Protein backbone atom coordinates (compact mmCIF):
# COMPACT_ATOMS: atom_id res chain seq x y z
CA MET A 1 -33.51 16.24 53.26
CA VAL A 2 -37.04 14.99 53.62
CA ALA A 3 -39.69 15.32 50.92
CA THR A 4 -41.59 17.74 53.17
CA ASP A 5 -38.55 20.05 53.18
CA LEU A 6 -38.93 20.70 49.47
CA ASP A 7 -40.51 23.91 48.24
CA SER A 8 -43.91 23.06 46.77
CA ARG A 9 -43.43 25.71 44.07
CA PHE A 10 -40.63 23.69 42.48
CA THR A 11 -42.38 20.78 40.81
CA PHE A 12 -42.40 19.19 37.38
CA ASP A 13 -45.72 20.96 36.81
CA THR A 14 -44.10 24.41 37.07
CA PHE A 15 -40.68 23.55 35.62
CA VAL A 16 -39.81 25.64 32.56
CA VAL A 17 -37.92 23.65 29.94
CA GLY A 18 -35.58 25.61 27.73
CA PRO A 19 -32.65 24.89 25.43
CA ALA A 20 -30.17 24.80 28.30
CA ASN A 21 -32.01 22.22 30.39
CA ARG A 22 -33.99 20.14 27.88
CA LEU A 23 -31.82 17.04 28.35
CA ALA A 24 -31.93 17.27 32.14
CA ALA A 25 -35.71 17.67 32.09
CA ALA A 26 -36.12 14.63 29.85
CA ALA A 27 -33.87 12.51 32.07
CA ALA A 28 -35.67 13.61 35.23
CA GLY A 29 -39.01 12.83 33.62
CA MET A 30 -37.83 9.33 32.72
CA TRP A 31 -36.73 8.66 36.31
CA ARG A 32 -40.03 9.99 37.60
CA ARG A 33 -42.04 7.74 35.28
CA ALA A 34 -39.92 4.74 36.26
CA LEU A 35 -40.59 5.38 39.94
CA ASP A 36 -44.30 5.95 39.28
CA LEU A 37 -44.49 2.54 37.62
CA ASN A 38 -42.58 0.78 40.41
CA PRO A 39 -42.16 2.97 43.53
CA ASP A 40 -40.49 0.20 45.55
CA ASN A 41 -37.73 -0.45 43.01
CA SER A 42 -34.56 -0.28 45.10
CA THR A 43 -32.33 -0.37 42.00
CA ILE A 44 -33.81 2.86 40.66
CA ARG A 45 -33.61 4.52 44.08
CA ALA A 46 -29.94 3.46 44.41
CA LYS A 47 -29.13 5.00 41.02
CA ILE A 48 -30.84 8.25 42.01
CA ASP A 49 -28.81 8.31 45.23
CA GLN A 50 -25.60 7.72 43.23
CA LEU A 51 -26.45 10.55 40.84
CA GLY A 52 -27.18 12.86 43.76
CA ALA A 53 -23.87 11.96 45.40
CA ALA A 54 -21.99 12.56 42.16
CA ALA A 55 -23.68 15.95 41.83
CA GLY A 56 -22.78 16.83 45.40
CA THR A 57 -26.35 17.03 46.70
């Protein structure tokens, strides 16, 4: 999947955080901030790929 394949409606700006997904939203936000601070960090990108593989995405 390429970033351009993503639906532009599904962003952190429109994400609704509720009791069932509060932890997931916080974790995703932390990863996003880490990548914003250092977008070329291959260690962070590798971890994201591992998490995606574990989740079956």
